[in-house]
């Protein structure tokens, strides 16, 4: 089922509600149906997935993208430890230079 087919169902529901003298509800249903026009080619499940993502975005805001820098490989824990150890040993060695 596509969103266009769902729009037809909403349109019929709106007509049915008007026969029941529920003009307010009919108007709301028809307005929602009209707003779906931009999504008419979506499958209904895909449209539902889109709505779920939109709701999450509205609730949590944009999610940061974790991008690695181009040309740089991710270090392993062992490589990080070696690098930190080398850096630490350079800063803790006593200086052999004498300044006068």
N, C-alpha and C. Protein backbone atom coordinates (compact mmCIF):
# COMPACT_ATOMS: atom_id res chain seq x y z
N UNK A 1 0.85 -1.17 0.00
CA UNK A 1 0.00 0.00 0.00
C UNK A 1 0.90 1.24 0.00
N UNK A 2 0.51 2.23 -0.78
CA UNK A 2 1.26 3.48 -0.85
C UNK A 2 0.53 4.56 -0.07
N UNK A 3 1.23 5.65 0.16
CA UNK A 3 0.62 6.79 0.85
C UNK A 3 -0.54 7.35 0.01
N UNK A 4 -0.43 7.32 -1.32
CA UNK A 4 -1.51 7.78 -2.18
C UNK A 4 -2.78 6.97 -1.94
N UNK A 5 -2.63 5.67 -1.79
CA UNK A 5 -3.79 4.81 -1.51
C UNK A 5 -4.36 5.11 -0.13
N UNK A 6 -3.48 5.39 0.82
CA UNK A 6 -3.92 5.76 2.17
C UNK A 6 -4.67 7.10 2.13
N UNK A 7 -4.22 8.02 1.28
CA UNK A 7 -4.92 9.29 1.12
C UNK A 7 -6.36 9.06 0.66
N UNK A 8 -6.54 8.12 -0.26
CA UNK A 8 -7.90 7.82 -0.72
C UNK A 8 -8.78 7.32 0.43
N UNK A 9 -8.20 6.48 1.28
CA UNK A 9 -8.95 6.00 2.45
C UNK A 9 -9.33 7.16 3.37
N UNK A 10 -8.40 8.07 3.58
CA UNK A 10 -8.69 9.23 4.43
C UNK A 10 -9.77 10.11 3.81
N UNK A 11 -9.73 10.24 2.51
CA UNK A 11 -10.75 11.02 1.82
C UNK A 11 -12.13 10.40 2.02
N UNK A 12 -12.20 9.09 1.87
CA UNK A 12 -13.47 8.38 2.09
C UNK A 12 -13.92 8.51 3.54
N UNK A 13 -12.98 8.43 4.46
CA UNK A 13 -13.30 8.59 5.88
C UNK A 13 -13.86 9.99 6.13
N UNK A 14 -13.27 10.99 5.50
CA UNK A 14 -13.76 12.36 5.64
C UNK A 14 -15.20 12.48 5.16
N UNK A 15 -15.51 11.89 4.02
CA UNK A 15 -16.89 11.92 3.50
C UNK A 15 -17.85 11.22 4.46
N UNK A 16 -17.40 10.07 4.96
CA UNK A 16 -18.23 9.33 5.90
C UNK A 16 -18.51 10.16 7.15
N UNK A 17 -17.49 10.82 7.67
CA UNK A 17 -17.67 11.65 8.87
C UNK A 17 -18.63 12.81 8.61
N UNK A 18 -18.60 13.36 7.41
CA UNK A 18 -19.53 14.45 7.08
C UNK A 18 -20.97 13.96 7.09
N UNK A 19 -21.19 12.71 6.66
CA UNK A 19 -22.56 12.18 6.69
C UNK A 19 -23.04 11.98 8.11
N UNK A 20 -22.11 11.81 9.02
CA UNK A 20 -22.46 11.65 10.43
C UNK A 20 -22.56 12.99 11.16
N UNK A 21 -22.46 14.06 10.40
CA UNK A 21 -22.52 15.43 10.94
C UNK A 21 -21.32 15.71 11.86
N UNK A 22 -20.18 15.10 11.56
CA UNK A 22 -18.93 15.35 12.31
C UNK A 22 -18.00 16.16 11.42
N UNK A 23 -18.43 17.38 11.10
CA UNK A 23 -17.69 18.22 10.15
C UNK A 23 -16.29 18.57 10.66
N UNK A 24 -16.14 18.79 11.96
CA UNK A 24 -14.83 19.13 12.52
C UNK A 24 -13.82 18.01 12.33
N UNK A 25 -14.25 16.81 12.66
CA UNK A 25 -13.37 15.64 12.49
C UNK A 25 -13.09 15.39 11.02
N UNK A 26 -14.11 15.55 10.17
CA UNK A 26 -13.93 15.36 8.73
C UNK A 26 -12.90 16.34 8.18
N UNK A 27 -12.98 17.58 8.62
CA UNK A 27 -12.04 18.59 8.15
C UNK A 27 -10.61 18.23 8.55
N UNK A 28 -10.41 17.77 9.79
CA UNK A 28 -9.07 17.38 10.25
C UNK A 28 -8.52 16.22 9.42
N UNK A 29 -9.35 15.21 9.18
CA UNK A 29 -8.91 14.04 8.41
C UNK A 29 -8.54 14.46 7.00
N UNK A 30 -9.33 15.33 6.40
CA UNK A 30 -9.04 15.78 5.04
C UNK A 30 -7.78 16.64 4.98
N UNK A 31 -7.54 17.46 6.01
CA UNK A 31 -6.32 18.27 6.06
C UNK A 31 -5.08 17.38 6.17
N UNK A 32 -5.16 16.37 7.00
CA UNK A 32 -4.03 15.44 7.13
C UNK A 32 -3.78 14.74 5.81
N UNK A 33 -4.84 14.29 5.17
CA UNK A 33 -4.71 13.64 3.87
C UNK A 33 -4.04 14.53 2.84
N UNK A 34 -4.40 15.80 2.83
CA UNK A 34 -3.80 16.75 1.88
C UNK A 34 -2.31 16.95 2.16
N UNK A 35 -1.92 16.95 3.43
CA UNK A 35 -0.51 17.15 3.77
C UNK A 35 0.37 15.95 3.39
N UNK A 36 -0.25 14.83 3.11
CA UNK A 36 0.51 13.63 2.73
C UNK A 36 0.86 13.61 1.25
N UNK A 37 0.38 14.58 0.48
CA UNK A 37 0.58 14.58 -0.97
C UNK A 37 2.05 14.50 -1.35
N UNK A 38 2.93 15.14 -0.60
CA UNK A 38 4.36 15.13 -0.92
C UNK A 38 4.96 13.73 -0.79
N UNK A 39 4.29 12.84 -0.09
CA UNK A 39 4.81 11.50 0.18
C UNK A 39 4.02 10.42 -0.56
N UNK A 40 3.24 10.80 -1.56
CA UNK A 40 2.30 9.88 -2.20
C UNK A 40 2.95 8.62 -2.78
N UNK A 41 4.21 8.68 -3.20
CA UNK A 41 4.87 7.52 -3.80
C UNK A 41 5.53 6.59 -2.79
N UNK A 42 5.57 7.00 -1.53
CA UNK A 42 6.17 6.15 -0.48
C UNK A 42 5.29 4.93 -0.22
N UNK A 43 5.93 3.82 0.07
CA UNK A 43 5.20 2.68 0.62
C UNK A 43 4.81 3.07 2.04
N UNK A 44 3.70 2.56 2.51
CA UNK A 44 3.21 2.97 3.83
C UNK A 44 4.20 2.63 4.94
N UNK A 45 4.86 1.49 4.87
CA UNK A 45 5.85 1.12 5.90
C UNK A 45 7.03 2.08 5.88
N UNK A 46 7.52 2.42 4.69
CA UNK A 46 8.64 3.36 4.59
C UNK A 46 8.23 4.73 5.13
N UNK A 47 6.99 5.12 4.88
CA UNK A 47 6.51 6.40 5.41
C UNK A 47 6.43 6.36 6.93
N UNK A 48 5.99 5.24 7.48
CA UNK A 48 5.97 5.07 8.94
C UNK A 48 7.36 5.16 9.54
N UNK A 49 8.34 4.56 8.86
CA UNK A 49 9.73 4.64 9.32
C UNK A 49 10.22 6.08 9.31
N UNK A 50 9.85 6.82 8.26
CA UNK A 50 10.22 8.23 8.16
C UNK A 50 9.61 9.03 9.31
N UNK A 51 8.36 8.76 9.63
CA UNK A 51 7.70 9.45 10.74
C UNK A 51 8.40 9.15 12.07
N UNK A 52 8.82 7.90 12.25
CA UNK A 52 9.52 7.54 13.48
C UNK A 52 10.84 8.30 13.60
N UNK A 53 11.57 8.43 12.49
CA UNK A 53 12.83 9.19 12.50
C UNK A 53 12.56 10.66 12.77
N UNK A 54 11.50 11.19 12.18
CA UNK A 54 11.16 12.60 12.38
C UNK A 54 10.79 12.86 13.84
N UNK A 55 10.07 11.93 14.45
CA UNK A 55 9.70 12.08 15.86
C UNK A 55 10.94 12.05 16.74
N UNK A 56 11.87 11.14 16.44
CA UNK A 56 13.12 11.05 17.22
C UNK A 56 13.92 12.34 17.07
N UNK A 57 13.99 12.87 15.86
CA UNK A 57 14.71 14.12 15.60
C UNK A 57 14.06 15.26 16.37
N UNK A 58 12.73 15.32 16.39
CA UNK A 58 12.02 16.38 17.11
C UNK A 58 12.27 16.28 18.61
N UNK A 59 12.37 15.05 19.11
CA UNK A 59 12.56 14.83 20.54
C UNK A 59 14.00 15.05 20.97
N UNK A 60 14.96 14.57 20.18
CA UNK A 60 16.37 14.58 20.59
C UNK A 60 17.24 15.59 19.86
N UNK A 61 16.76 16.14 18.76
CA UNK A 61 17.57 17.05 17.97
C UNK A 61 18.50 16.28 17.05
N UNK A 62 19.32 17.01 16.30
CA UNK A 62 20.21 16.33 15.35
C UNK A 62 21.25 15.48 16.06
N UNK A 63 21.54 14.35 15.48
CA UNK A 63 22.55 13.45 16.03
C UNK A 63 23.90 13.76 15.40
N UNK A 64 24.96 13.87 16.20
CA UNK A 64 26.28 14.15 15.62
C UNK A 64 26.75 12.97 14.78
N UNK A 65 27.39 13.30 13.69
CA UNK A 65 27.95 12.25 12.84
C UNK A 65 29.38 12.01 13.27
N UNK A 66 29.72 10.77 13.48
CA UNK A 66 31.08 10.41 13.88
C UNK A 66 31.87 10.10 12.63
N UNK A 67 32.65 11.05 12.23
CA UNK A 67 33.48 10.85 11.03
C UNK A 67 34.93 10.78 11.43
N UNK A 68 35.62 9.84 10.87
CA UNK A 68 37.06 9.79 11.10
C UNK A 68 37.71 10.71 10.07
N UNK A 69 38.84 11.24 10.44
CA UNK A 69 39.54 12.12 9.51
C UNK A 69 40.08 11.32 8.34
N UNK A 70 39.96 11.85 7.12
CA UNK A 70 40.46 11.11 5.95
C UNK A 70 41.96 10.83 6.06
N UNK A 71 42.35 9.64 5.68
CA UNK A 71 43.76 9.29 5.65
C UNK A 71 44.32 8.89 7.00
N UNK A 72 43.51 8.91 8.03
CA UNK A 72 44.01 8.55 9.36
C UNK A 72 43.30 7.30 9.85
N UNK A 73 44.09 6.28 10.16
CA UNK A 73 43.52 5.03 10.65
C UNK A 73 43.23 5.15 12.14
N UNK A 74 42.29 4.42 12.57
CA UNK A 74 41.96 4.38 13.99
C UNK A 74 43.04 3.57 14.72
N UNK A 75 43.54 4.11 15.83
CA UNK A 75 44.59 3.42 16.57
C UNK A 75 44.01 2.32 17.43
N UNK A 76 44.79 1.27 17.61
CA UNK A 76 44.39 0.23 18.53
C UNK A 76 44.73 0.69 19.94
N UNK A 77 44.18 0.02 20.91
CA UNK A 77 44.47 0.38 22.30
C UNK A 77 45.96 0.25 22.60
N UNK A 78 46.60 -0.79 22.04
CA UNK A 78 48.03 -1.01 22.26
C UNK A 78 48.85 0.15 21.66
N UNK A 79 48.48 0.59 20.46
CA UNK A 79 49.19 1.70 19.84
C UNK A 79 49.02 2.98 20.66
N UNK A 80 47.83 3.21 21.17
CA UNK A 80 47.58 4.39 21.98
C UNK A 80 48.40 4.35 23.26
N UNK A 81 48.50 3.17 23.88
CA UNK A 81 49.27 3.01 25.12
C UNK A 81 50.75 3.27 24.86
N UNK A 82 51.28 2.71 23.78
CA UNK A 82 52.68 2.95 23.44
C UNK A 82 52.95 4.43 23.21
N UNK A 83 52.07 5.06 22.49
CA UNK A 83 52.26 6.48 22.19
C UNK A 83 52.24 7.32 23.47
N UNK A 84 51.29 7.01 24.36
CA UNK A 84 51.20 7.75 25.62
C UNK A 84 52.44 7.50 26.48
N UNK A 85 52.92 6.25 26.51
CA UNK A 85 54.11 5.92 27.29
C UNK A 85 55.33 6.66 26.76
N UNK A 86 55.48 6.70 25.45
CA UNK A 86 56.62 7.40 24.85
C UNK A 86 56.54 8.89 25.17
N UNK A 87 55.37 9.44 25.11
CA UNK A 87 55.20 10.86 25.41
C UNK A 87 55.51 11.13 26.88
N UNK A 88 55.06 10.26 27.76
CA UNK A 88 55.28 10.43 29.19
C UNK A 88 56.76 10.31 29.53
N UNK A 89 57.46 9.35 28.92
CA UNK A 89 58.87 9.15 29.23
C UNK A 89 59.70 10.34 28.77
N UNK A 90 59.29 11.00 27.70
CA UNK A 90 60.03 12.17 27.22
C UNK A 90 59.90 13.33 28.19
N UNK A 91 58.79 13.43 28.86
CA UNK A 91 58.58 14.57 29.77
C UNK A 91 59.12 14.30 31.16
N UNK A 92 59.40 13.06 31.50
CA UNK A 92 59.87 12.75 32.85
C UNK A 92 61.37 12.50 32.94
N UNK A 93 62.07 12.43 31.80
CA UNK A 93 63.51 12.21 31.83
C UNK A 93 64.19 13.50 32.31
N UNK A 94 65.16 13.35 33.19
CA UNK A 94 65.87 14.55 33.65
C UNK A 94 66.70 15.12 32.49
N UNK A 95 66.76 16.40 32.48
CA UNK A 95 67.53 17.09 31.43
C UNK A 95 69.01 16.94 31.71
N UNK A 96 69.81 16.65 30.69
CA UNK A 96 71.25 16.53 30.84
C UNK A 96 71.95 17.82 30.44
N UNK A 97 71.18 18.77 29.95
CA UNK A 97 71.77 20.04 29.56
C UNK A 97 71.95 20.92 30.79
N UNK A 98 73.03 21.68 30.80
CA UNK A 98 73.28 22.61 31.91
C UNK A 98 73.16 24.01 31.37
N UNK A 99 72.38 24.78 31.96
CA UNK A 99 72.22 26.17 31.55
C UNK A 99 72.92 27.06 32.55
N UNK A 100 73.70 27.92 32.03
CA UNK A 100 74.43 28.80 32.94
C UNK A 100 73.90 30.20 32.88
